[in-house]
Protein backbone atom coordinates (compact mmCIF):
# COMPACT_ATOMS: atom_id res chain seq x y z
CA MET A 1 20.50 69.28 5.48
CA THR A 2 24.07 69.37 4.71
CA ASP A 3 26.07 66.52 3.27
CA HIS A 4 27.92 65.96 6.60
CA GLU A 5 24.71 65.64 8.53
CA LEU A 6 23.41 63.21 5.95
CA GLU A 7 26.52 60.95 6.31
CA LEU A 8 26.26 60.99 10.07
CA ARG A 9 22.61 60.04 9.98
CA LEU A 10 23.30 57.12 7.56
CA LYS A 11 26.09 55.86 9.82
CA ASN A 12 23.79 55.86 12.81
CA ALA A 13 21.12 54.03 10.87
CA VAL A 14 23.55 51.33 9.77
CA GLU A 15 24.86 50.91 13.29
CA ALA A 16 21.29 50.64 14.56
CA CYS A 17 20.44 47.96 11.99
CA THR A 18 23.70 45.90 12.57
CA PRO A 19 23.60 43.62 15.65
CA ASP A 20 26.34 44.09 18.26
CA VAL A 21 27.87 40.60 17.98
CA LEU A 22 31.51 41.45 18.69
CA SER A 23 31.30 40.69 22.37
CA LYS A 24 29.48 37.47 21.64
CA VAL A 25 32.03 36.52 19.05
CA MET A 26 34.84 37.33 21.45
CA ALA A 27 33.12 35.30 24.15
CA GLU A 28 32.75 32.36 21.82
CA CYS A 29 36.39 32.66 20.88
CA ASP A 30 37.32 32.68 24.52
CA ASN A 31 35.15 29.61 25.20
CA TYR A 32 36.65 27.85 22.23
CA GLN A 33 40.16 28.55 23.45
CA LYS A 34 39.26 27.25 26.91
CA LYS A 35 37.78 24.06 25.44
CA GLU A 36 40.83 23.53 23.26
CA ALA A 37 43.09 24.07 26.23
CA GLU A 38 41.07 21.59 28.31
CA LYS A 39 41.10 19.10 25.47
CA LYS A 40 44.87 19.37 25.14
CA LYS A 41 45.19 18.98 28.87
CA GLN A 42 43.14 15.79 28.73
CA GLU A 43 45.19 14.58 25.81
CA LYS A 44 48.33 15.20 27.83
CA ILE A 45 46.93 13.22 30.74
CA ILE A 46 46.00 10.39 28.40
CA ASP A 47 49.45 10.44 26.82
CA ILE A 48 51.10 10.34 30.24
CA SER A 49 48.88 7.40 31.14
CA HIS A 50 50.05 5.61 28.01
CA ILE A 51 53.62 6.42 28.93
CA HIS A 52 53.10 4.96 32.40
CA GLU A 53 51.59 1.85 30.84
CA ARG A 54 54.46 1.55 28.42
CA ASN A 55 56.95 2.04 31.25
CA ARG A 56 55.24 -0.60 33.35
CA ALA A 57 55.29 -2.96 30.37
CA LYS A 58 58.95 -2.23 29.86
CA GLU A 59 59.60 -2.82 33.56
CA LYS A 60 57.77 -6.15 33.36
CA ARG A 61 59.73 -7.10 30.29
CA GLY A 62 62.93 -6.01 32.08
CA TRP A 63 62.16 -8.14 35.15
CA LYS A 64 61.31 -11.07 32.91
CA ARG A 65 64.58 -10.57 31.08
CA TYR A 66 66.52 -10.35 34.36
CA ALA A 67 64.66 -13.37 35.72
CA SER A 68 65.51 -15.30 32.57
CA MET A 69 69.13 -14.25 32.83
CA ALA A 70 69.21 -15.24 36.49
CA ALA A 71 67.63 -18.59 35.68
CA MET A 72 70.17 -19.12 32.93
CA LEU A 73 72.96 -18.19 35.34
CA VAL A 74 71.66 -20.68 37.89
CA LEU A 75 71.47 -23.34 35.19
CA MET A 76 74.99 -22.50 34.05
CA ILE A 77 76.31 -22.67 37.61
CA GLY A 78 74.42 -25.91 38.15
CA ALA A 79 75.71 -27.33 34.90
CA GLY A 80 79.21 -26.19 35.82
CA ALA A 81 78.97 -27.79 39.24
CA PHE A 82 77.60 -30.97 37.70
CA GLY A 83 80.31 -30.94 35.08
CA SER A 84 82.95 -30.36 37.75
CA MET A 85 81.54 -33.22 39.80
CA GLN A 86 81.51 -35.50 36.76
CA TYR A 87 85.07 -34.46 35.96
CA GLN A 88 86.22 -35.27 39.49
CA LEU A 89 84.44 -38.63 39.38
CA LYS A 90 86.08 -39.57 36.08
CA HIS A 91 89.44 -37.85 36.52
CA VAL A 92 92.09 -40.47 37.28
CA VAL A 93 94.69 -39.50 39.89
CA SER A 94 96.09 -42.93 40.77
CA ILE A 95 96.70 -46.15 38.87
CA VAL A 96 96.99 -49.37 40.84
CA GLN A 97 98.31 -52.55 39.24
CA PHE A 98 98.16 -56.05 40.69
CA ASP A 99 100.43 -58.76 39.28
CA VAL A 100 100.47 -62.46 40.11
CA ASN A 101 100.45 -64.00 36.70
CA PRO A 102 97.20 -62.30 35.88
CA SER A 103 97.79 -58.56 35.59
CA VAL A 104 94.98 -56.19 36.53
CA GLU A 105 94.94 -52.41 36.43
CA ILE A 106 92.51 -50.29 38.43
CA ARG A 107 92.25 -46.54 37.86
CA ILE A 108 90.82 -44.42 40.66
CA ASN A 109 89.77 -40.81 41.21
CA LYS A 110 90.63 -38.42 44.04
CA SER A 111 87.95 -40.00 46.23
CA GLU A 112 89.63 -43.40 45.75
CA GLU A 113 86.67 -44.65 43.73
CA VAL A 114 87.20 -46.93 40.76
CA VAL A 115 86.93 -45.16 37.41
CA LYS A 116 87.99 -48.14 35.33
CA ALA A 117 89.32 -51.68 35.81
CA VAL A 118 91.00 -53.62 33.01
CA GLY A 119 92.77 -56.93 32.60
CA LEU A 120 96.22 -56.37 31.12
CA ASN A 121 96.54 -59.94 29.88
CA LYS A 122 94.24 -62.87 29.16
CA ASP A 123 94.38 -64.14 32.74
CA GLY A 124 93.66 -60.64 34.01
CA GLU A 125 90.56 -60.44 31.83
CA GLU A 126 89.43 -63.78 33.27
CA ILE A 127 89.83 -62.46 36.81
CA LEU A 128 87.63 -59.44 36.08
CA SER A 129 85.03 -61.37 34.08
CA GLY A 130 81.54 -60.61 35.37
CA MET A 131 82.79 -58.07 37.91
CA LYS A 132 81.55 -54.48 37.97
CA LEU A 133 84.09 -52.50 39.96
CA ALA A 134 83.40 -48.99 38.62
CA GLY A 135 82.13 -46.71 41.39
CA LEU A 136 83.39 -48.93 44.21
CA ASP A 137 86.08 -47.68 46.57
CA ILE A 138 89.51 -49.15 45.87
CA TYR A 139 89.55 -51.27 49.03
CA THR A 140 86.24 -52.95 48.23
CA ALA A 141 87.40 -53.48 44.64
CA THR A 142 90.68 -54.96 45.88
CA ASN A 143 88.80 -57.35 48.15
CA ALA A 144 86.66 -58.53 45.23
CA MET A 145 89.65 -58.93 42.93
CA ILE A 146 91.74 -60.90 45.47
CA GLY A 147 88.71 -63.11 46.04
CA SER A 148 88.57 -63.80 42.30
CA LEU A 149 92.31 -64.62 42.25
CA LEU A 150 91.76 -67.13 45.04
CA LYS A 151 88.70 -68.58 43.34
CA HIS A 152 90.62 -69.17 40.11
CA GLY A 153 93.57 -70.72 41.94
CA TYR A 154 96.18 -68.08 41.13
CA ILE A 155 97.16 -67.57 44.78
CA ASP A 156 97.89 -70.49 47.09
CA GLU A 157 100.69 -71.90 49.25
CA LEU A 158 102.66 -72.79 46.13
CA ALA A 159 102.59 -69.20 44.82
CA ASN A 160 101.77 -66.69 47.52
CA SER A 161 103.34 -63.55 46.03
CA ILE A 162 101.56 -60.46 44.78
CA LEU A 163 103.15 -57.40 43.20
CA LEU A 164 101.38 -54.14 44.04
CA SER A 165 102.37 -51.10 41.99
CA VAL A 166 101.05 -47.56 42.40
CA GLU A 167 101.37 -44.74 39.87
CA ASP A 168 100.58 -41.31 41.31
CA GLU A 169 102.09 -37.88 40.71
CA ASP A 170 101.47 -37.12 44.39
CA SER A 171 104.12 -39.29 46.07
CA VAL A 172 102.63 -38.85 49.56
CA ARG A 173 99.17 -39.93 48.44
CA GLY A 174 100.72 -42.76 46.45
CA LEU A 175 102.66 -44.03 49.47
CA GLU A 176 99.55 -43.92 51.68
CA LEU A 177 97.63 -45.89 49.07
CA GLN A 178 100.49 -48.36 48.70
CA GLU A 179 100.67 -49.01 52.46
CA GLY A 180 96.90 -49.15 52.87
CA LEU A 181 96.40 -51.68 50.08
CA THR A 182 99.32 -53.81 51.29
CA GLY A 183 97.62 -54.14 54.67
CA GLU A 184 94.28 -54.88 53.01
CA ILE A 185 95.72 -57.67 50.85
CA GLU A 186 97.54 -59.22 53.81
CA ALA A 187 94.33 -59.26 55.84
CA ILE A 188 92.31 -60.82 53.01
CA LEU A 189 94.82 -63.61 52.40
CA LYS A 190 95.31 -64.22 56.11
CA SER A 191 91.57 -64.82 56.41
CA ALA A 192 92.00 -67.38 53.61
CA SER A 193 94.79 -69.07 55.63
CA ILE A 194 97.48 -67.99 53.18
CA ASN A 195 100.69 -66.40 54.42
CA ALA A 196 101.17 -63.90 51.65
CA SER A 197 104.28 -62.14 50.50
CA ILE A 198 103.62 -58.74 48.98
CA LEU A 199 106.04 -56.70 46.94
CA SER A 200 104.99 -53.06 46.68
CA GLN A 201 106.48 -50.13 44.82
CA HIS A 202 105.87 -46.67 43.41
CA VAL A 203 106.04 -46.67 39.62
CA ASP A 204 106.77 -44.08 36.95
CA GLY A 205 104.69 -45.47 34.12
CA ASN A 206 106.22 -43.21 31.48
CA ALA A 207 109.72 -44.48 32.28
CA VAL A 208 108.84 -48.12 31.57
CA ASP A 209 106.00 -47.76 29.08
CA GLN A 210 108.05 -48.64 26.02
CA VAL A 211 109.72 -51.73 27.50
CA SER A 212 106.46 -52.95 29.05
CA GLN A 213 104.78 -52.80 25.63
CA GLU A 214 107.74 -54.52 24.00
CA TYR A 215 107.53 -57.52 26.34
CA GLY A 216 103.78 -57.47 26.88
CA ILE A 217 103.93 -56.95 30.65
CA SER A 218 102.54 -54.39 33.08
CA HIS A 219 104.30 -51.20 34.13
CA GLY A 220 104.60 -52.71 37.59
CA LYS A 221 106.36 -55.87 36.48
CA ALA A 222 108.62 -53.92 34.11
CA SER A 223 109.58 -51.54 36.90
CA LEU A 224 110.37 -54.44 39.27
CA ILE A 225 112.61 -56.07 36.65
CA GLU A 226 114.41 -52.77 36.07
CA SER A 227 115.09 -52.53 39.81
CA ILE A 228 116.47 -56.10 39.89
CA LEU A 229 118.74 -55.43 36.90
CA LYS A 230 120.19 -52.37 38.64
CA SER A 231 121.26 -54.61 41.51
CA ASN A 232 122.51 -57.51 39.36
CA SER A 233 123.45 -57.10 35.71
CA ASN A 234 123.95 -60.85 35.22
CA TYR A 235 120.26 -61.15 34.39
CA THR A 236 118.58 -59.98 31.20
CA PHE A 237 115.26 -58.21 30.92
CA GLU A 238 113.98 -60.78 28.46
CA GLU A 239 114.56 -63.79 30.73
CA LEU A 240 113.14 -62.10 33.82
CA SER A 241 110.05 -60.96 31.92
CA LYS A 242 109.05 -64.62 31.54
CA LEU A 243 109.13 -65.35 35.28
CA SER A 244 106.16 -65.32 37.62
CA VAL A 245 105.89 -62.74 40.38
CA ASN A 246 106.64 -65.45 42.95
CA GLU A 247 109.88 -66.31 41.12
CA LEU A 248 110.84 -62.63 40.90
CA ASN A 249 110.12 -62.34 44.61
CA LEU A 250 112.55 -65.20 45.31
CA ILE A 251 115.22 -63.34 43.32
CA VAL A 252 114.52 -60.13 45.24
CA SER A 253 114.90 -62.01 48.54
CA ASN A 254 118.35 -63.29 47.55
CA PRO A 255 120.87 -61.41 49.77
CA LYS A 256 123.18 -61.02 46.78
CA ASN A 257 120.59 -58.80 45.12
CA GLN A 258 120.19 -55.53 46.99
CA VAL A 259 117.05 -54.39 45.20
CA GLU A 260 116.10 -50.79 46.00
CA GLY A 261 112.72 -49.08 45.82
CA VAL A 262 110.75 -52.26 46.53
CA GLN A 263 109.12 -53.05 49.88
CA ALA A 264 108.50 -56.68 50.79
CA THR A 265 106.35 -58.34 53.43
CA GLY A 266 106.37 -62.04 54.29
CA ASN A 267 108.37 -64.70 52.49
CA ALA A 268 107.91 -65.92 48.95
CA SER A 269 106.71 -69.52 48.84
CA LYS A 270 109.26 -72.26 48.08
CA THR A 271 106.77 -75.08 48.43
CA ALA A 272 106.85 -75.83 44.70
CA TYR A 273 110.55 -76.69 44.88
CA ILE A 274 112.60 -79.63 46.18
CA GLY A 275 113.84 -77.68 49.18
CA GLU A 276 117.26 -76.69 50.48
CA GLU A 277 117.92 -79.91 52.39
CA LYS A 278 117.40 -82.10 49.37
CA ALA A 279 119.46 -79.75 47.18
CA ASN A 280 122.33 -80.03 49.66
CA GLN A 281 122.17 -83.81 49.64
CA ILE A 282 122.21 -83.89 45.84
CA ALA A 283 125.32 -81.66 45.80
CA PHE A 284 127.15 -83.66 48.49
CA SER A 285 126.36 -86.93 46.75
CA HIS A 286 127.51 -85.59 43.38
CA ALA A 287 130.75 -84.29 44.94
CA GLY A 288 131.31 -87.59 46.75
CA VAL A 289 131.70 -86.02 50.18
CA GLU A 290 130.16 -86.77 53.55
CA GLU A 291 127.91 -84.14 55.06
CA SER A 292 129.94 -84.32 58.25
CA SER A 293 133.03 -83.11 56.35
CA VAL A 294 131.27 -80.08 54.90
CA TYR A 295 131.81 -76.59 56.28
CA GLN A 296 131.23 -73.02 55.09
CA LEU A 297 127.93 -74.17 53.60
CA GLU A 298 125.81 -71.54 51.84
CA ILE A 299 122.64 -72.10 49.81
CA GLU A 300 120.45 -69.56 48.04
CA MET A 301 117.77 -69.55 45.39
CA ASP A 302 118.62 -67.81 42.17
CA TYR A 303 117.86 -67.79 38.46
CA GLU A 304 120.45 -69.43 36.21
CA TYR A 305 120.47 -71.50 33.03
CA GLY A 306 116.87 -70.63 32.30
CA SER A 307 115.55 -72.07 35.58
CA MET A 308 115.12 -71.31 39.24
CA VAL A 309 118.08 -72.99 40.89
CA TYR A 310 119.64 -73.70 44.24
CA ASP A 311 123.10 -72.20 44.32
CA VAL A 312 124.99 -74.45 46.77
CA GLU A 313 128.50 -73.50 47.91
CA PHE A 314 130.56 -75.45 50.44
CA THR A 315 134.06 -76.53 51.39
CA SER A 316 135.18 -80.06 52.12
CA GLY A 317 138.76 -81.07 52.75
CA GLU A 318 140.91 -78.75 50.68
CA LYS A 319 138.39 -78.09 47.97
CA GLU A 320 135.69 -75.50 47.35
CA TYR A 321 132.52 -76.59 45.57
CA GLU A 322 129.73 -74.68 43.84
CA TYR A 323 126.63 -76.38 42.44
CA TYR A 324 123.66 -75.12 40.45
CA ILE A 325 120.76 -77.50 40.98
CA ASP A 326 117.40 -77.19 39.24
CA ALA A 327 115.02 -76.16 42.00
CA LYS A 328 112.16 -78.28 40.67
CA SER A 329 113.75 -81.36 39.15
CA GLY A 330 116.90 -81.65 41.26
CA GLU A 331 119.06 -81.94 38.16
CA VAL A 332 122.67 -80.78 38.50
CA LEU A 333 122.90 -78.05 35.88
CA GLU A 334 126.46 -76.90 36.54
CA HIS A 335 129.21 -77.38 39.12
CA GLU A 336 132.69 -76.10 39.82
CA VAL A 337 135.46 -77.43 42.03
CA GLU A 338 138.49 -75.42 43.10
CA SER A 339 141.39 -76.36 45.30
CA GLU A 340 142.17 -74.11 48.24
CA ASP A 341 145.48 -72.32 48.00
């Protein structure tokens, strides 16, 4: 047997003794690869599921966030609307002042509701004592305040004058308020059997603020005095500031004083004074003339020598007479006699 034959025979013997496991191994490898692929596929499915869950969670969180933002927006809008409403309720657009001797100021909003009411002097504080006007409309508040003035005896047949002053940047609205309140006051006092005289005006508070503080009076009264002084410079602010509204009304009604910017209704009461007839008789008697000889007689109420006076002028014979008679006491304060040329 040759060496080649021997090698071939050994090879065949080895092959016969060695199991043919290659195909099995390859099959196992193939199965393993399939299992791994399936496993990865499952893992991918699971991962996608987790992603979906995470996305849904994110979506929920997003909706919650948007819902919270929307709720906050609603609250902000609501708070803004509430704040705007509160601002409108408290924002003063008009200031109304009432002067008799008591001085009262009422501040109102755009809806004509009272924001604040204050007494500008001691008597004004007394008038408002125990009254809660905030929130009431201005007409109801005016009714209550006029009732208090009547109750405390500040308005009667001896002093029937009221000064109504309106401060408002909107002149049209201010005029409407001025006219409306004038009518309201007239109606209230008429029901109380008082023939009232009402002075009303539009006021620029800034223009008279300094002088009103200096003399301790309201803007309304200061503005009225300024108007009187423009028509007659013989008066002084200081002396007029001490007069009552009824006395100022009598000065306004004097034909010699053409006071502008002030509307008047009714006639200021003269009941507290001696009267024109008696003043005439005092003048005639002092002059030593008979009433029958008097002609060109004129008599007016005015303010002179620190008092309300009757200014009596007349002619008798060839002489012209002028008398200033204290309107309350009847005292002859001053007189002049001139001969006619």
